[in-house]
Amino acid sequence: MLKSYEKEISWKAGAYAIAVHLALLGGLLISFNWKAAHPVLNVAEVELWESIPNTAPPPPPVIVPKIEPAPVVKDVPEPKPEAKVEEPKVDIALEKKKELEQKKLEEKAAKQEAEKLKKERLAAIQADTLKDEKRDSEKQLNDKKAKDELKKLQQELSAEGDQQALAAKASANAGVIDEYKRKIQDKIKGNVNNELCGDGKPVLKFKIDLLPSGELSGNPKLTKTSGLEACDDAVERAIMASQPLPLPEDVALKSQFRNLNLTFTPNN
């Protein structure tokens, strides 16, 4: 005999079962195709021929084989064998050599440092010595400066006397030079043919070079013409005919007559 709570559960289970069956039935009805199926008619077509056509297959096409050029084989260089990398070997002699060189470098650096210290000490000693010498030289310089000033004053006084003597001598020499120039011109003028110079007052100039003996060292050079060629030639001939020309006895003065510029006025 069912209890009261079991009755409620059995009713619910029955209701759920009925609902599920109704849902399945509805799905079947909806998916069912209600259209009537019509039979498919097969229609055949017939074609009439007057004669039987030639149904032999056409001959196959002639296929010409295509000759392809032979492939060019390029010389592929053979791969060079890879150089074997030798593992460095520890050379005891090389290590000793490096140690020896390092030792030499250290000794050299120490020697250079010692020389540097010696040079610095020597420079300091020289600086002190230079200071002492400078003081002594300044004293000597002051003494020498005083002596030089005294000597200069004496030389100036002596030079003033010498200049006065030289001026007097130069003045005397100038008088002698002018005197001998007049003598030279007078001697040449005495040998000029004045008739060739006309009645006017022609002026002409010549340059002559003289030797210490009074002889000409070359032909006279006309530096200014008189305008009369005959007059110019007459004076040139007179210069050549007047050799040797008069010169002073003083050898120093003779050098003043080495090159002379002479002016002539034949008709004066």
C-alpha atoms as a PDB file:
ATOM      1  CA  MET A   1       0.000   0.000   0.000  1.00  0.00           C
ATOM      2  CA  LEU A   2       1.397   3.356  -1.092  1.00  0.00           C
ATOM      3  CA  LYS A   3       2.018   6.064   1.405  1.00  0.00           C
ATOM      4  CA  SER A   4       0.774   9.621   0.942  1.00  0.00           C
ATOM      5  CA  TYR A   5       4.119  11.190  -0.056  1.00  0.00           C
ATOM      6  CA  GLU A   6       4.824   8.286  -2.455  1.00  0.00           C
ATOM      7  CA  LYS A   7       1.553   9.025  -4.259  1.00  0.00           C
ATOM      8  CA  GLU A   8       2.608  12.600  -4.955  1.00  0.00           C
ATOM      9  CA  ILE A   9       5.942  11.482  -6.432  1.00  0.00           C
ATOM     10  CA  SER A  10       4.281   8.794  -8.635  1.00  0.00           C
ATOM     11  CA  TRP A  11       1.835  11.372 -10.018  1.00  0.00           C
ATOM     12  CA  LYS A  12       4.644  13.759 -10.854  1.00  0.00           C
ATOM     13  CA  ALA A  13       6.653  11.005 -12.559  1.00  0.00           C
ATOM     14  CA  GLY A  14       3.679   9.967 -14.638  1.00  0.00           C
ATOM     15  CA  ALA A  15       3.011  13.525 -15.690  1.00  0.00           C
ATOM     16  CA  TYR A  16       6.632  13.991 -16.787  1.00  0.00           C
ATOM     17  CA  ALA A  17       6.531  10.753 -18.847  1.00  0.00           C
ATOM     18  CA  ILE A  18       3.351  11.811 -20.676  1.00  0.00           C
ATOM     19  CA  ALA A  19       4.848  15.266 -21.458  1.00  0.00           C
ATOM     20  CA  VAL A  20       7.971  13.687 -22.943  1.00  0.00           C
ATOM     21  CA  HIS A  21       5.978  11.353 -25.187  1.00  0.00           C
ATOM     22  CA  LEU A  22       3.806  14.194 -26.432  1.00  0.00           C
ATOM     23  CA  ALA A  23       6.912  16.249 -27.295  1.00  0.00           C
ATOM     24  CA  LEU A  24       8.373  13.327 -29.285  1.00  0.00           C
ATOM     25  CA  LEU A  25       5.122  12.803 -31.155  1.00  0.00           C
ATOM     26  CA  GLY A  26       4.902  16.482 -32.097  1.00  0.00           C
ATOM     27  CA  GLY A  27       8.475  16.385 -33.461  1.00  0.00           C
ATOM     28  CA  LEU A  28       7.675  13.373 -35.622  1.00  0.00           C
ATOM     29  CA  LEU A  29       4.550  15.022 -37.048  1.00  0.00           C
ATOM     30  CA  ILE A  30       6.401  18.216 -37.877  1.00  0.00           C
ATOM     31  CA  SER A  31       9.309  16.423 -39.633  1.00  0.00           C
ATOM     32  CA  PHE A  32       7.045  14.134 -41.733  1.00  0.00           C
ATOM     33  CA  ASN A  33       6.728  15.160 -45.527  1.00  0.00           C
ATOM     34  CA  TRP A  34       3.013  15.244 -46.390  1.00  0.00           C
ATOM     35  CA  LYS A  35       3.507  16.020 -50.149  1.00  0.00           C
ATOM     36  CA  ALA A  36       2.561  13.271 -52.610  1.00  0.00           C
ATOM     37  CA  ALA A  37       5.487  11.991 -54.706  1.00  0.00           C
ATOM     38  CA  HIS A  38       5.028  12.212 -58.514  1.00  0.00           C
ATOM     39  CA  PRO A  39       6.700   9.622 -60.761  1.00  0.00           C
ATOM     40  CA  VAL A  40       9.631  10.934 -62.933  1.00  0.00           C
ATOM     41  CA  LEU A  41       9.037  10.550 -66.671  1.00  0.00           C
ATOM     42  CA  ASN A  42      12.046   9.351 -68.783  1.00  0.00           C
ATOM     43  CA  VAL A  43      12.021  10.981 -72.289  1.00  0.00           C
ATOM     44  CA  ALA A  44      14.263   9.434 -75.011  1.00  0.00           C
ATOM     45  CA  GLU A  45      15.403  11.425 -78.094  1.00  0.00           C
ATOM     46  CA  VAL A  46      15.898   9.659 -81.493  1.00  0.00           C
ATOM     47  CA  GLU A  47      18.169  11.031 -84.322  1.00  0.00           C
ATOM     48  CA  LEU A  48      17.892   9.693 -87.912  1.00  0.00           C
ATOM     49  CA  TRP A  49      21.003   9.271 -90.163  1.00  0.00           C
ATOM     50  CA  GLU A  50      21.008   8.853 -93.986  1.00  0.00           C
ATOM     51  CA  SER A  51      24.273   6.900 -93.903  1.00  0.00           C
ATOM     52  CA  ILE A  52      26.525   5.458 -91.285  1.00  0.00           C
ATOM     53  CA  PRO A  53      29.320   7.955 -90.570  1.00  0.00           C
ATOM     54  CA  ASN A  54      33.000   6.923 -90.606  1.00  0.00           C
ATOM     55  CA  THR A  55      33.651   6.227 -87.003  1.00  0.00           C
ATOM     56  CA  ALA A  56      37.341   5.300 -87.497  1.00  0.00           C
ATOM     57  CA  PRO A  57      39.547   7.207 -85.046  1.00  0.00           C
ATOM     58  CA  PRO A  58      41.909   9.840 -86.551  1.00  0.00           C
ATOM     59  CA  PRO A  59      45.605   8.940 -86.814  1.00  0.00           C
ATOM     60  CA  PRO A  60      47.643   9.912 -83.793  1.00  0.00           C
ATOM     61  CA  PRO A  61      49.740  13.119 -84.190  1.00  0.00           C
ATOM     62  CA  VAL A  62      53.428  12.728 -84.961  1.00  0.00           C
ATOM     63  CA  ILE A  63      55.435  13.771 -81.969  1.00  0.00           C
ATOM     64  CA  VAL A  64      58.841  15.231 -82.849  1.00  0.00           C
ATOM     65  CA  PRO A  65      61.238  14.587 -80.024  1.00  0.00           C
ATOM     66  CA  LYS A  66      62.794  17.787 -78.674  1.00  0.00           C
ATOM     67  CA  ILE A  67      66.562  17.658 -78.498  1.00  0.00           C
ATOM     68  CA  GLU A  68      67.750  19.426 -75.396  1.00  0.00           C
ATOM     69  CA  PRO A  69      71.304  20.808 -75.272  1.00  0.00           C
ATOM     70  CA  ALA A  70      73.713  18.918 -73.175  1.00  0.00           C
ATOM     71  CA  PRO A  71      74.069  20.520 -69.789  1.00  0.00           C
ATOM     72  CA  VAL A  72      77.266  22.522 -69.275  1.00  0.00           C
ATOM     73  CA  VAL A  73      79.268  21.014 -66.539  1.00  0.00           C
ATOM     74  CA  LYS A  74      81.110  23.715 -64.621  1.00  0.00           C
ATOM     75  CA  ASP A  75      84.350  22.980 -62.928  1.00  0.00           C
ATOM     76  CA  VAL A  76      83.596  23.075 -59.303  1.00  0.00           C
ATOM     77  CA  PRO A  77      86.742  23.781 -57.313  1.00  0.00           C
ATOM     78  CA  GLU A  78      87.477  21.144 -54.864  1.00  0.00           C
ATOM     79  CA  PRO A  79      87.092  22.342 -51.327  1.00  0.00           C
ATOM     80  CA  LYS A  80      90.390  23.120 -49.724  1.00  0.00           C
ATOM     81  CA  PRO A  81      91.151  21.120 -46.702  1.00  0.00           C
ATOM     82  CA  GLU A  82      90.646  23.125 -43.604  1.00  0.00           C
ATOM     83  CA  ALA A  83      93.816  24.082 -41.856  1.00  0.00           C
ATOM     84  CA  LYS A  84      94.143  22.326 -38.661  1.00  0.00           C
ATOM     85  CA  VAL A  85      94.342  24.644 -35.740  1.00  0.00           C
ATOM     86  CA  GLU A  86      97.038  23.420 -33.567  1.00  0.00           C
ATOM     87  CA  GLU A  87      96.528  23.871 -29.937  1.00  0.00           C
ATOM     88  CA  PRO A  88      99.062  26.246 -28.366  1.00  0.00           C
ATOM     89  CA  LYS A  89     101.804  24.476 -26.663  1.00  0.00           C
ATOM     90  CA  VAL A  90     103.441  25.795 -23.600  1.00  0.00           C
ATOM     91  CA  ASP A  91     107.043  26.600 -24.475  1.00  0.00           C
ATOM     92  CA  ILE A  92     109.150  26.703 -21.376  1.00  0.00           C
ATOM     93  CA  ALA A  93     111.958  28.521 -23.151  1.00  0.00           C
ATOM     94  CA  LEU A  94     109.529  31.210 -24.382  1.00  0.00           C
ATOM     95  CA  GLU A  95     108.163  31.717 -20.893  1.00  0.00           C
ATOM     96  CA  LYS A  96     111.680  32.118 -19.540  1.00  0.00           C
ATOM     97  CA  LYS A  97     112.453  34.606 -22.308  1.00  0.00           C
ATOM     98  CA  LYS A  98     109.372  36.669 -21.422  1.00  0.00           C
ATOM     99  CA  GLU A  99     110.322  36.660 -17.756  1.00  0.00           C
ATOM    100  CA  LEU A 100     113.853  37.792 -18.671  1.00  0.00           C
ATOM    101  CA  GLU A 101     112.513  40.627 -20.860  1.00  0.00           C
ATOM    102  CA  GLN A 102     110.141  41.714 -18.099  1.00  0.00           C
ATOM    103  CA  LYS A 103     113.027  41.761 -15.646  1.00  0.00           C
ATOM    104  CA  LYS A 104     115.103  43.874 -18.060  1.00  0.00           C
ATOM    105  CA  LEU A 105     112.237  46.342 -18.455  1.00  0.00           C
ATOM    106  CA  GLU A 106     111.903  46.671 -14.698  1.00  0.00           C
ATOM    107  CA  GLU A 107     115.659  47.238 -14.337  1.00  0.00           C
ATOM    108  CA  LYS A 108     115.575  49.820 -17.112  1.00  0.00           C
ATOM    109  CA  ALA A 109     112.666  51.654 -15.469  1.00  0.00           C
ATOM    110  CA  ALA A 110     114.514  51.684 -12.139  1.00  0.00           C
ATOM    111  CA  LYS A 111     117.662  53.007 -13.846  1.00  0.00           C
ATOM    112  CA  GLN A 112     115.683  55.760 -15.582  1.00  0.00           C
ATOM    113  CA  GLU A 113     114.105  56.774 -12.290  1.00  0.00           C
ATOM    114  CA  ALA A 114     117.530  56.971 -10.636  1.00  0.00           C
ATOM    115  CA  GLU A 115     118.858  59.089 -13.522  1.00  0.00           C
ATOM    116  CA  LYS A 116     115.831  61.361 -13.245  1.00  0.00           C
ATOM    117  CA  LEU A 117     116.530  61.938  -9.557  1.00  0.00           C
ATOM    118  CA  LYS A 118     120.190  62.687 -10.343  1.00  0.00           C
ATOM    119  CA  LYS A 119     119.182  65.200 -13.019  1.00  0.00           C
ATOM    120  CA  GLU A 120     116.746  66.923 -10.672  1.00  0.00           C
ATOM    121  CA  ARG A 121     119.438  67.192  -7.997  1.00  0.00           C
ATOM    122  CA  LEU A 122     121.945  68.480 -10.560  1.00  0.00           C
ATOM    123  CA  ALA A 123     119.416  71.048 -11.814  1.00  0.00           C
ATOM    124  CA  ALA A 124     118.866  72.294  -8.265  1.00  0.00           C
ATOM    125  CA  ILE A 125     122.624  72.641  -7.703  1.00  0.00           C
ATOM    126  CA  GLN A 126     123.023  74.445 -11.031  1.00  0.00           C
ATOM    127  CA  ALA A 127     120.170  76.803 -10.161  1.00  0.00           C
ATOM    128  CA  ASP A 128     121.897  77.769  -6.897  1.00  0.00           C
ATOM    129  CA  THR A 129     125.195  78.205  -8.742  1.00  0.00           C
ATOM    130  CA  LEU A 130     123.517  80.378 -11.382  1.00  0.00           C
ATOM    131  CA  LYS A 131     122.097  82.596  -8.669  1.00  0.00           C
ATOM    132  CA  ASP A 132     125.572  83.156  -7.221  1.00  0.00           C
ATOM    133  CA  GLU A 133     127.046  83.710 -10.668  1.00  0.00           C
ATOM    134  CA  LYS A 134     124.250  86.108 -11.519  1.00  0.00           C
ATOM    135  CA  ARG A 135     125.048  88.232  -8.462  1.00  0.00           C
ATOM    136  CA  ASP A 136     128.721  88.234  -9.403  1.00  0.00           C
ATOM    137  CA  SER A 137     127.957  88.978 -13.062  1.00  0.00           C
ATOM    138  CA  GLU A 138     125.677  91.860 -12.112  1.00  0.00           C
ATOM    139  CA  LYS A 139     128.485  93.354 -10.057  1.00  0.00           C
ATOM    140  CA  GLN A 140     130.967  92.852 -12.879  1.00  0.00           C
ATOM    141  CA  LEU A 141     128.446  94.262 -15.341  1.00  0.00           C
ATOM    142  CA  ASN A 142     128.061  97.414 -13.293  1.00  0.00           C
ATOM    143  CA  ASP A 143     131.850  97.799 -13.116  1.00  0.00           C
ATOM    144  CA  LYS A 144     132.161  97.138 -16.836  1.00  0.00           C
ATOM    145  CA  LYS A 145     129.355  99.564 -17.618  1.00  0.00           C
ATOM    146  CA  ALA A 146     131.156 102.325 -15.743  1.00  0.00           C
ATOM    147  CA  LYS A 147     134.396 101.544 -17.579  1.00  0.00           C
ATOM    148  CA  ASP A 148     132.591 101.476 -20.943  1.00  0.00           C
ATOM    149  CA  GLU A 149     130.999 104.850 -20.285  1.00  0.00           C
ATOM    150  CA  LEU A 150     134.382 106.334 -19.448  1.00  0.00           C
ATOM    151  CA  LYS A 151     135.940 104.796 -22.552  1.00  0.00           C
ATOM    152  CA  LYS A 152     133.063 106.056 -24.694  1.00  0.00           C
ATOM    153  CA  LEU A 153     133.541 109.608 -23.470  1.00  0.00           C
ATOM    154  CA  GLN A 154     137.240 109.397 -24.266  1.00  0.00           C
ATOM    155  CA  GLN A 155     136.492 108.029 -27.740  1.00  0.00           C
ATOM    156  CA  GLU A 156     133.959 110.768 -28.405  1.00  0.00           C
ATOM    157  CA  LEU A 157     136.478 113.421 -27.451  1.00  0.00           C
ATOM    158  CA  SER A 158     139.099 111.763 -29.640  1.00  0.00           C
ATOM    159  CA  ALA A 159     136.600 111.357 -32.504  1.00  0.00           C
ATOM    160  CA  GLU A 160     135.735 115.016 -32.393  1.00  0.00           C
ATOM    161  CA  GLY A 161     139.419 115.854 -32.816  1.00  0.00           C
ATOM    162  CA  ASP A 162     139.762 113.276 -35.592  1.00  0.00           C
ATOM    163  CA  GLN A 163     136.672 114.574 -37.378  1.00  0.00           C
ATOM    164  CA  GLN A 164     138.029 118.074 -37.296  1.00  0.00           C
ATOM    165  CA  ALA A 165     141.322 116.826 -38.698  1.00  0.00           C
ATOM    166  CA  LEU A 166     139.520 114.789 -41.365  1.00  0.00           C
ATOM    167  CA  ALA A 167     137.371 117.749 -42.292  1.00  0.00           C
ATOM    168  CA  ALA A 168     140.415 119.912 -42.690  1.00  0.00           C
ATOM    169  CA  LYS A 169     142.149 117.243 -44.752  1.00  0.00           C
ATOM    170  CA  ALA A 170     139.054 116.680 -46.926  1.00  0.00           C
ATOM    171  CA  SER A 171     138.813 120.389 -47.553  1.00  0.00           C
ATOM    172  CA  ALA A 172     142.449 120.471 -48.599  1.00  0.00           C
ATOM    173  CA  ASN A 173     142.004 117.386 -50.793  1.00  0.00           C
ATOM    174  CA  ALA A 174     138.940 118.899 -52.437  1.00  0.00           C
ATOM    175  CA  GLY A 175     141.011 121.937 -53.343  1.00  0.00           C
ATOM    176  CA  VAL A 176     143.694 119.714 -54.857  1.00  0.00           C
ATOM    177  CA  ILE A 177     141.125 117.686 -56.816  1.00  0.00           C
ATOM    178  CA  ASP A 178     139.502 120.806 -58.236  1.00  0.00           C
ATOM    179  CA  GLU A 179     142.921 122.169 -59.151  1.00  0.00           C
ATOM    180  CA  TYR A 180     143.889 119.049 -61.145  1.00  0.00           C
ATOM    181  CA  LYS A 181     140.488 118.878 -62.838  1.00  0.00           C
ATOM    182  CA  ARG A 182     141.106 122.410 -64.136  1.00  0.00           C
ATOM    183  CA  LYS A 183     144.562 121.370 -65.276  1.00  0.00           C
ATOM    184  CA  ILE A 184     143.114 118.376 -67.171  1.00  0.00           C
ATOM    185  CA  GLN A 185     140.445 120.520 -68.856  1.00  0.00           C
ATOM    186  CA  ASP A 186     142.944 123.228 -69.775  1.00  0.00           C
ATOM    187  CA  LYS A 187     145.320 120.722 -71.346  1.00  0.00           C
ATOM    188  CA  ILE A 188     142.533 119.152 -73.404  1.00  0.00           C
ATOM    189  CA  LYS A 189     141.118 122.556 -74.395  1.00  0.00           C
ATOM    190  CA  GLY A 190     144.527 123.593 -75.667  1.00  0.00           C
ATOM    191  CA  ASN A 191     144.409 120.714 -78.162  1.00  0.00           C
ATOM    192  CA  VAL A 192     140.862 121.469 -79.473  1.00  0.00           C
ATOM    193  CA  ASN A 193     140.445 122.948 -82.976  1.00  0.00           C
ATOM    194  CA  ASN A 194     137.960 125.734 -82.153  1.00  0.00           C
ATOM    195  CA  GLU A 195     137.201 126.440 -85.831  1.00  0.00           C
ATOM    196  CA  LEU A 196     135.197 123.194 -85.975  1.00  0.00           C
ATOM    197  CA  CYS A 197     132.885 124.383 -83.165  1.00  0.00           C
ATOM    198  CA  GLY A 198     131.513 127.457 -85.016  1.00  0.00           C
ATOM    199  CA  ASP A 199     130.858 130.958 -83.655  1.00  0.00           C
ATOM    200  CA  GLY A 200     128.351 130.006 -80.956  1.00  0.00           C
ATOM    201  CA  LYS A 201     128.901 128.749 -77.422  1.00  0.00           C
ATOM    202  CA  PRO A 202     128.500 124.976 -77.676  1.00  0.00           C
ATOM    203  CA  VAL A 203     128.612 122.895 -74.466  1.00  0.00           C
ATOM    204  CA  LEU A 204     129.431 119.186 -74.469  1.00  0.00           C
ATOM    205  CA  LYS A 205     130.276 116.566 -71.839  1.00  0.00           C
ATOM    206  CA  PHE A 206     132.560 113.529 -71.826  1.00  0.00           C
ATOM    207  CA  LYS A 207     133.161 110.687 -69.352  1.00  0.00           C
ATOM    208  CA  ILE A 208     136.731 109.369 -69.148  1.00  0.00           C
ATOM    209  CA  ASP A 209     138.399 106.578 -67.140  1.00  0.00           C
ATOM    210  CA  LEU A 210     142.008 107.182 -66.050  1.00  0.00           C
ATOM    211  CA  LEU A 211     144.790 104.911 -64.893  1.00  0.00           C
ATOM    212  CA  PRO A 212     147.166 106.001 -62.063  1.00  0.00           C
ATOM    213  CA  SER A 213     149.670 106.869 -64.813  1.00  0.00           C
ATOM    214  CA  GLY A 214     147.286 109.455 -66.331  1.00  0.00           C
ATOM    215  CA  GLU A 215     146.605 107.306 -69.409  1.00  0.00           C
ATOM    216  CA  LEU A 216     143.051 106.545 -70.554  1.00  0.00           C
ATOM    217  CA  SER A 217     141.778 103.017 -69.834  1.00  0.00           C
ATOM    218  CA  GLY A 218     139.326 103.264 -72.755  1.00  0.00           C
ATOM    219  CA  ASN A 219     137.851 105.601 -75.323  1.00  0.00           C
ATOM    220  CA  PRO A 220     136.086 108.739 -74.093  1.00  0.00           C
ATOM    221  CA  LYS A 221     132.253 108.483 -73.904  1.00  0.00           C
ATOM    222  CA  LEU A 222     130.151 111.411 -75.105  1.00  0.00           C
ATOM    223  CA  THR A 223     127.363 111.988 -72.569  1.00  0.00           C
ATOM    224  CA  LYS A 224     126.077 115.317 -73.973  1.00  0.00           C
ATOM    225  CA  THR A 225     126.529 116.459 -77.571  1.00  0.00           C
ATOM    226  CA  SER A 226     127.096 120.031 -78.665  1.00  0.00           C
ATOM    227  CA  GLY A 227     124.840 119.573 -81.641  1.00  0.00           C
ATOM    228  CA  LEU A 228     127.827 119.796 -83.984  1.00  0.00           C
ATOM    229  CA  GLU A 229     129.332 116.419 -84.853  1.00  0.00           C
ATOM    230  CA  ALA A 230     132.574 118.068 -86.030  1.00  0.00           C
ATOM    231  CA  CYS A 231     132.927 119.858 -82.696  1.00  0.00           C
ATOM    232  CA  ASP A 232     132.259 116.625 -80.733  1.00  0.00           C
ATOM    233  CA  ASP A 233     134.900 114.785 -82.772  1.00  0.00           C
ATOM    234  CA  ALA A 234     137.407 117.643 -82.281  1.00  0.00           C
ATOM    235  CA  VAL A 235     137.076 117.476 -78.482  1.00  0.00           C
ATOM    236  CA  GLU A 236     137.372 113.659 -78.484  1.00  0.00           C
ATOM    237  CA  ARG A 237     140.574 113.854 -80.558  1.00  0.00           C
ATOM    238  CA  ALA A 238     141.924 116.509 -78.159  1.00  0.00           C
ATOM    239  CA  ILE A 239     141.286 114.185 -75.174  1.00  0.00           C
ATOM    240  CA  MET A 240     143.172 111.345 -76.841  1.00  0.00           C
ATOM    241  CA  ALA A 241     146.044 113.672 -77.807  1.00  0.00           C
ATOM    242  CA  SER A 242     146.413 115.098 -74.259  1.00  0.00           C
ATOM    243  CA  GLN A 243     147.628 111.798 -72.700  1.00  0.00           C
ATOM    244  CA  PRO A 244     149.048 111.435 -70.135  1.00  0.00           C
ATOM    245  CA  LEU A 245     146.782 113.785 -68.237  1.00  0.00           C
ATOM    246  CA  PRO A 246     148.117 115.546 -65.092  1.00  0.00           C
ATOM    247  CA  LEU A 247     147.361 113.795 -61.754  1.00  0.00           C
ATOM    248  CA  PRO A 248     148.404 114.570 -58.130  1.00  0.00           C
ATOM    249  CA  GLU A 249     151.302 112.688 -56.540  1.00  0.00           C
ATOM    250  CA  ASP A 250     149.202 111.428 -53.584  1.00  0.00           C
ATOM    251  CA  VAL A 251     148.125 107.850 -54.329  1.00  0.00           C
ATOM    252  CA  ALA A 252     144.951 108.262 -52.260  1.00  0.00           C
ATOM    253  CA  LEU A 253     143.953 111.263 -54.352  1.00  0.00           C
ATOM    254  CA  LYS A 254     144.631 109.488 -57.644  1.00  0.00           C
ATOM    255  CA  SER A 255     141.706 107.172 -56.907  1.00  0.00           C
ATOM    256  CA  GLN A 256     139.422 110.216 -57.114  1.00  0.00           C
ATOM    257  CA  PHE A 257     140.325 110.566 -60.827  1.00  0.00           C
ATOM    258  CA  ARG A 258     139.494 106.999 -61.813  1.00  0.00           C
ATOM    259  CA  ASN A 259     136.156 108.116 -63.309  1.00  0.00           C
ATOM    260  CA  LEU A 260     135.789 111.734 -64.396  1.00  0.00           C
ATOM    261  CA  ASN A 261     132.867 113.655 -65.910  1.00  0.00           C
ATOM    262  CA  LEU A 262     134.243 116.689 -67.774  1.00  0.00           C
ATOM    263  CA  THR A 263     132.329 119.629 -69.247  1.00  0.00           C
ATOM    264  CA  PHE A 264     133.810 121.550 -72.201  1.00  0.00           C
ATOM    265  CA  THR A 265     132.982 124.959 -73.697  1.00  0.00           C
ATOM    266  CA  PRO A 266     135.560 125.207 -76.520  1.00  0.00           C
ATOM    267  CA  ASN A 267     134.777 128.804 -77.491  1.00  0.00           C
ATOM    268  CA  ASN A 268     135.080 130.320 -73.968  1.00  0.00           C
END
